[in-house]
Amino acid sequence: MTKADIVKKISDETGIERVAVQATLEAFMNVVKDSLTEGTNVYLRGFGSFITKKRASKTARNISKNVTIKIPAHYIPAFKPSKPFLNEVKQKVKK
């Protein structure tokens, strides 16, 4: 599902114009990005949490040049689903 699909589905279900839904979705994503960039996690009860995880520094290998490189410690964004959400997906998703 793409962002356009989400906008269309929300618009169809609520009767709100697509432009307004698009603006709201963009604003939500910007708030989440800004919060994570500032180091603040975002918690949505019943859905999940947008968090930052710290990755430790490590040694990697550039195989094309055959040299080792040091990758410094850094933070990455992550999503942690809530337990009810996780259980619902486990029960309903068909592979």
N, C-alpha and C. Protein backbone atom coordinates (compact mmCIF):
# COMPACT_ATOMS: atom_id res chain seq x y z
N MET A 1 0.85 -1.17 0.00
CA MET A 1 0.00 0.00 0.00
C MET A 1 0.90 1.24 0.00
N THR A 2 0.59 2.16 -0.86
CA THR A 2 1.37 3.39 -0.97
C THR A 2 0.69 4.52 -0.20
N LYS A 3 1.39 5.65 -0.11
CA LYS A 3 0.82 6.81 0.56
C LYS A 3 -0.44 7.27 -0.16
N ALA A 4 -0.43 7.23 -1.48
CA ALA A 4 -1.61 7.62 -2.26
C ALA A 4 -2.79 6.69 -1.96
N ASP A 5 -2.51 5.40 -1.80
CA ASP A 5 -3.57 4.44 -1.45
C ASP A 5 -4.16 4.74 -0.08
N ILE A 6 -3.29 5.09 0.87
CA ILE A 6 -3.75 5.43 2.22
C ILE A 6 -4.63 6.67 2.18
N VAL A 7 -4.20 7.69 1.45
CA VAL A 7 -4.97 8.93 1.33
C VAL A 7 -6.34 8.63 0.72
N LYS A 8 -6.37 7.83 -0.35
CA LYS A 8 -7.63 7.49 -1.01
C LYS A 8 -8.56 6.74 -0.06
N LYS A 9 -8.02 5.77 0.66
CA LYS A 9 -8.85 4.95 1.56
C LYS A 9 -9.43 5.81 2.70
N ILE A 10 -8.59 6.66 3.30
CA ILE A 10 -9.08 7.53 4.38
C ILE A 10 -10.13 8.49 3.84
N SER A 11 -9.89 9.04 2.67
CA SER A 11 -10.84 9.97 2.06
C SER A 11 -12.16 9.29 1.78
N ASP A 12 -12.12 8.08 1.25
CA ASP A 12 -13.34 7.34 0.94
C ASP A 12 -14.11 6.98 2.22
N GLU A 13 -13.40 6.59 3.27
CA GLU A 13 -14.06 6.16 4.51
C GLU A 13 -14.61 7.31 5.33
N THR A 14 -13.96 8.48 5.28
CA THR A 14 -14.39 9.59 6.13
C THR A 14 -15.17 10.67 5.38
N GLY A 15 -15.05 10.72 4.07
CA GLY A 15 -15.71 11.77 3.30
C GLY A 15 -14.94 13.07 3.27
N ILE A 16 -13.74 13.07 3.83
CA ILE A 16 -12.89 14.27 3.80
C ILE A 16 -12.17 14.33 2.46
N GLU A 17 -12.00 15.53 1.95
CA GLU A 17 -11.34 15.70 0.65
C GLU A 17 -9.92 15.14 0.69
N ARG A 18 -9.50 14.63 -0.44
CA ARG A 18 -8.16 14.01 -0.52
C ARG A 18 -7.05 15.01 -0.22
N VAL A 19 -7.24 16.25 -0.63
CA VAL A 19 -6.22 17.27 -0.39
C VAL A 19 -6.01 17.47 1.11
N ALA A 20 -7.10 17.50 1.87
CA ALA A 20 -7.01 17.69 3.32
C ALA A 20 -6.38 16.47 3.98
N VAL A 21 -6.74 15.28 3.51
CA VAL A 21 -6.15 14.06 4.06
C VAL A 21 -4.66 14.02 3.75
N GLN A 22 -4.30 14.39 2.53
CA GLN A 22 -2.89 14.42 2.13
C GLN A 22 -2.09 15.37 3.02
N ALA A 23 -2.64 16.56 3.26
CA ALA A 23 -1.95 17.55 4.10
C ALA A 23 -1.80 17.04 5.53
N THR A 24 -2.84 16.39 6.05
CA THR A 24 -2.79 15.85 7.41
C THR A 24 -1.77 14.74 7.52
N LEU A 25 -1.74 13.85 6.55
CA LEU A 25 -0.77 12.75 6.56
C LEU A 25 0.66 13.27 6.46
N GLU A 26 0.87 14.25 5.60
CA GLU A 26 2.20 14.86 5.47
C GLU A 26 2.62 15.52 6.78
N ALA A 27 1.69 16.23 7.42
CA ALA A 27 1.99 16.88 8.69
C ALA A 27 2.34 15.85 9.76
N PHE A 28 1.59 14.74 9.81
CA PHE A 28 1.86 13.68 10.77
C PHE A 28 3.27 13.12 10.55
N MET A 29 3.61 12.83 9.31
CA MET A 29 4.93 12.26 9.03
C MET A 29 6.04 13.26 9.39
N ASN A 30 5.81 14.53 9.14
CA ASN A 30 6.82 15.55 9.50
C ASN A 30 7.00 15.63 11.01
N VAL A 31 5.91 15.54 11.77
CA VAL A 31 6.00 15.58 13.23
C VAL A 31 6.79 14.38 13.73
N VAL A 32 6.52 13.20 13.19
CA VAL A 32 7.24 11.99 13.60
C VAL A 32 8.72 12.13 13.25
N LYS A 33 9.03 12.58 12.03
CA LYS A 33 10.43 12.74 11.63
C LYS A 33 11.16 13.76 12.50
N ASP A 34 10.51 14.90 12.76
CA ASP A 34 11.13 15.93 13.58
C ASP A 34 11.36 15.44 15.01
N SER A 35 10.39 14.71 15.55
CA SER A 35 10.54 14.19 16.91
C SER A 35 11.70 13.21 17.00
N LEU A 36 11.78 12.29 16.06
CA LEU A 36 12.87 11.30 16.08
C LEU A 36 14.22 11.97 15.86
N THR A 37 14.25 12.98 15.02
CA THR A 37 15.51 13.70 14.78
C THR A 37 15.98 14.40 16.05
N GLU A 38 15.04 14.87 16.86
CA GLU A 38 15.39 15.53 18.12
C GLU A 38 15.66 14.54 19.25
N GLY A 39 15.46 13.25 18.99
CA GLY A 39 15.70 12.24 20.00
C GLY A 39 14.50 11.91 20.86
N THR A 40 13.32 12.37 20.46
CA THR A 40 12.09 12.12 21.20
C THR A 40 11.31 11.01 20.50
N ASN A 41 10.94 9.96 21.24
CA ASN A 41 10.16 8.87 20.68
C ASN A 41 8.69 9.28 20.57
N VAL A 42 7.96 8.65 19.67
CA VAL A 42 6.54 8.91 19.46
C VAL A 42 5.77 7.65 19.82
N TYR A 43 4.84 7.77 20.78
CA TYR A 43 4.07 6.63 21.26
C TYR A 43 2.60 6.80 20.86
N LEU A 44 2.06 5.82 20.14
CA LEU A 44 0.66 5.83 19.74
C LEU A 44 -0.01 4.62 20.38
N ARG A 45 -0.75 4.85 21.45
CA ARG A 45 -1.37 3.78 22.21
C ARG A 45 -2.26 2.91 21.31
N GLY A 46 -2.09 1.61 21.41
CA GLY A 46 -2.87 0.67 20.63
C GLY A 46 -2.33 0.43 19.23
N PHE A 47 -1.34 1.21 18.82
CA PHE A 47 -0.76 1.06 17.48
C PHE A 47 0.71 0.67 17.57
N GLY A 48 1.52 1.51 18.21
CA GLY A 48 2.94 1.21 18.34
C GLY A 48 3.74 2.45 18.64
N SER A 49 5.05 2.29 18.59
CA SER A 49 5.96 3.38 18.91
C SER A 49 6.99 3.57 17.81
N PHE A 50 7.23 4.82 17.45
CA PHE A 50 8.32 5.18 16.56
C PHE A 50 9.47 5.57 17.47
N ILE A 51 10.57 4.84 17.39
CA ILE A 51 11.69 5.04 18.31
C ILE A 51 12.99 5.15 17.53
N THR A 52 14.03 5.61 18.23
CA THR A 52 15.37 5.59 17.65
C THR A 52 16.18 4.53 18.36
N LYS A 53 16.93 3.76 17.59
CA LYS A 53 17.79 2.73 18.15
C LYS A 53 19.23 3.10 17.87
N LYS A 54 20.09 2.84 18.84
CA LYS A 54 21.51 3.13 18.66
C LYS A 54 22.19 1.88 18.12
N ARG A 55 22.91 2.05 17.04
CA ARG A 55 23.70 0.98 16.46
C ARG A 55 25.14 1.17 16.91
N ALA A 56 25.74 0.13 17.41
CA ALA A 56 27.12 0.20 17.89
C ALA A 56 28.07 0.36 16.71
N SER A 57 29.25 0.87 16.98
CA SER A 57 30.27 0.98 15.93
C SER A 57 30.73 -0.43 15.56
N LYS A 58 31.13 -0.58 14.31
CA LYS A 58 31.58 -1.90 13.86
C LYS A 58 32.58 -1.75 12.73
N THR A 59 33.27 -2.84 12.48
CA THR A 59 34.23 -2.89 11.39
C THR A 59 33.58 -3.62 10.23
N ALA A 60 33.64 -3.04 9.04
CA ALA A 60 33.06 -3.63 7.85
C ALA A 60 34.14 -3.75 6.78
N ARG A 61 33.78 -4.39 5.70
CA ARG A 61 34.75 -4.61 4.63
C ARG A 61 34.17 -4.13 3.31
N ASN A 62 34.94 -3.32 2.61
CA ASN A 62 34.60 -2.91 1.25
C ASN A 62 35.21 -3.95 0.33
N ILE A 63 34.39 -4.86 -0.17
CA ILE A 63 34.94 -5.99 -0.93
C ILE A 63 35.47 -5.59 -2.29
N SER A 64 34.99 -4.50 -2.86
CA SER A 64 35.50 -4.09 -4.17
C SER A 64 36.92 -3.55 -4.08
N LYS A 65 37.28 -2.91 -2.96
CA LYS A 65 38.64 -2.38 -2.78
C LYS A 65 39.46 -3.22 -1.82
N ASN A 66 38.82 -4.22 -1.21
CA ASN A 66 39.47 -5.12 -0.27
C ASN A 66 40.13 -4.37 0.90
N VAL A 67 39.37 -3.47 1.49
CA VAL A 67 39.86 -2.74 2.65
C VAL A 67 38.80 -2.80 3.75
N THR A 68 39.27 -2.69 4.99
CA THR A 68 38.32 -2.64 6.10
C THR A 68 38.02 -1.18 6.42
N ILE A 69 36.81 -0.94 6.82
CA ILE A 69 36.40 0.42 7.19
C ILE A 69 35.72 0.37 8.54
N LYS A 70 35.79 1.46 9.26
CA LYS A 70 35.17 1.57 10.57
C LYS A 70 33.86 2.35 10.42
N ILE A 71 32.77 1.73 10.81
CA ILE A 71 31.47 2.40 10.78
C ILE A 71 31.19 2.89 12.19
N PRO A 72 31.06 4.20 12.37
CA PRO A 72 30.87 4.73 13.72
C PRO A 72 29.47 4.39 14.26
N ALA A 73 29.31 4.52 15.56
CA ALA A 73 28.00 4.32 16.17
C ALA A 73 27.05 5.38 15.63
N HIS A 74 25.80 4.97 15.42
CA HIS A 74 24.81 5.90 14.88
C HIS A 74 23.41 5.47 15.31
N TYR A 75 22.45 6.34 15.08
CA TYR A 75 21.06 6.06 15.43
C TYR A 75 20.26 5.80 14.17
N ILE A 76 19.27 4.88 14.29
CA ILE A 76 18.38 4.60 13.17
C ILE A 76 16.94 4.66 13.68
N PRO A 77 16.00 5.06 12.81
CA PRO A 77 14.59 5.04 13.22
C PRO A 77 14.06 3.62 13.17
N ALA A 78 13.11 3.31 14.05
CA ALA A 78 12.51 1.98 14.08
C ALA A 78 11.06 2.11 14.52
N PHE A 79 10.28 1.08 14.21
CA PHE A 79 8.88 1.03 14.64
C PHE A 79 8.70 -0.23 15.47
N LYS A 80 8.08 -0.06 16.63
CA LYS A 80 7.79 -1.19 17.51
C LYS A 80 6.28 -1.27 17.67
N PRO A 81 5.64 -2.31 17.11
CA PRO A 81 4.18 -2.40 17.21
C PRO A 81 3.73 -2.72 18.62
N SER A 82 2.51 -2.28 18.97
CA SER A 82 1.95 -2.61 20.28
C SER A 82 1.57 -4.09 20.30
N LYS A 83 1.44 -4.64 21.50
CA LYS A 83 1.11 -6.07 21.62
C LYS A 83 -0.23 -6.42 20.98
N PRO A 84 -1.31 -5.65 21.21
CA PRO A 84 -2.57 -6.00 20.53
C PRO A 84 -2.46 -5.96 19.01
N PHE A 85 -1.77 -4.95 18.49
CA PHE A 85 -1.58 -4.81 17.05
C PHE A 85 -0.77 -5.99 16.51
N LEU A 86 0.30 -6.34 17.20
CA LEU A 86 1.16 -7.45 16.79
C LEU A 86 0.37 -8.76 16.79
N ASN A 87 -0.41 -9.00 17.83
CA ASN A 87 -1.21 -10.23 17.90
C ASN A 87 -2.26 -10.29 16.81
N GLU A 88 -2.87 -9.16 16.50
CA GLU A 88 -3.88 -9.12 15.43
C GLU A 88 -3.27 -9.46 14.09
N VAL A 89 -2.09 -8.91 13.81
CA VAL A 89 -1.42 -9.19 12.54
C VAL A 89 -1.01 -10.66 12.48
N LYS A 90 -0.50 -11.19 13.57
CA LYS A 90 -0.08 -12.60 13.60
C LYS A 90 -1.25 -13.52 13.29
N GLN A 91 -2.44 -13.19 13.77
CA GLN A 91 -3.61 -14.06 13.59
C GLN A 91 -4.23 -13.94 12.22
N LYS A 92 -4.17 -12.76 11.61
CA LYS A 92 -4.93 -12.52 10.40
C LYS A 92 -4.13 -12.58 9.11
N VAL A 93 -2.85 -12.34 9.12
CA VAL A 93 -2.08 -12.29 7.89
C VAL A 93 -1.87 -13.70 7.35
N LYS A 94 -2.17 -13.84 6.06
CA LYS A 94 -1.95 -15.12 5.39
C LYS A 94 -0.73 -14.99 4.49
N LYS A 95 0.08 -16.00 4.49
CA LYS A 95 1.28 -15.95 3.65
C LYS A 95 1.04 -16.63 2.34
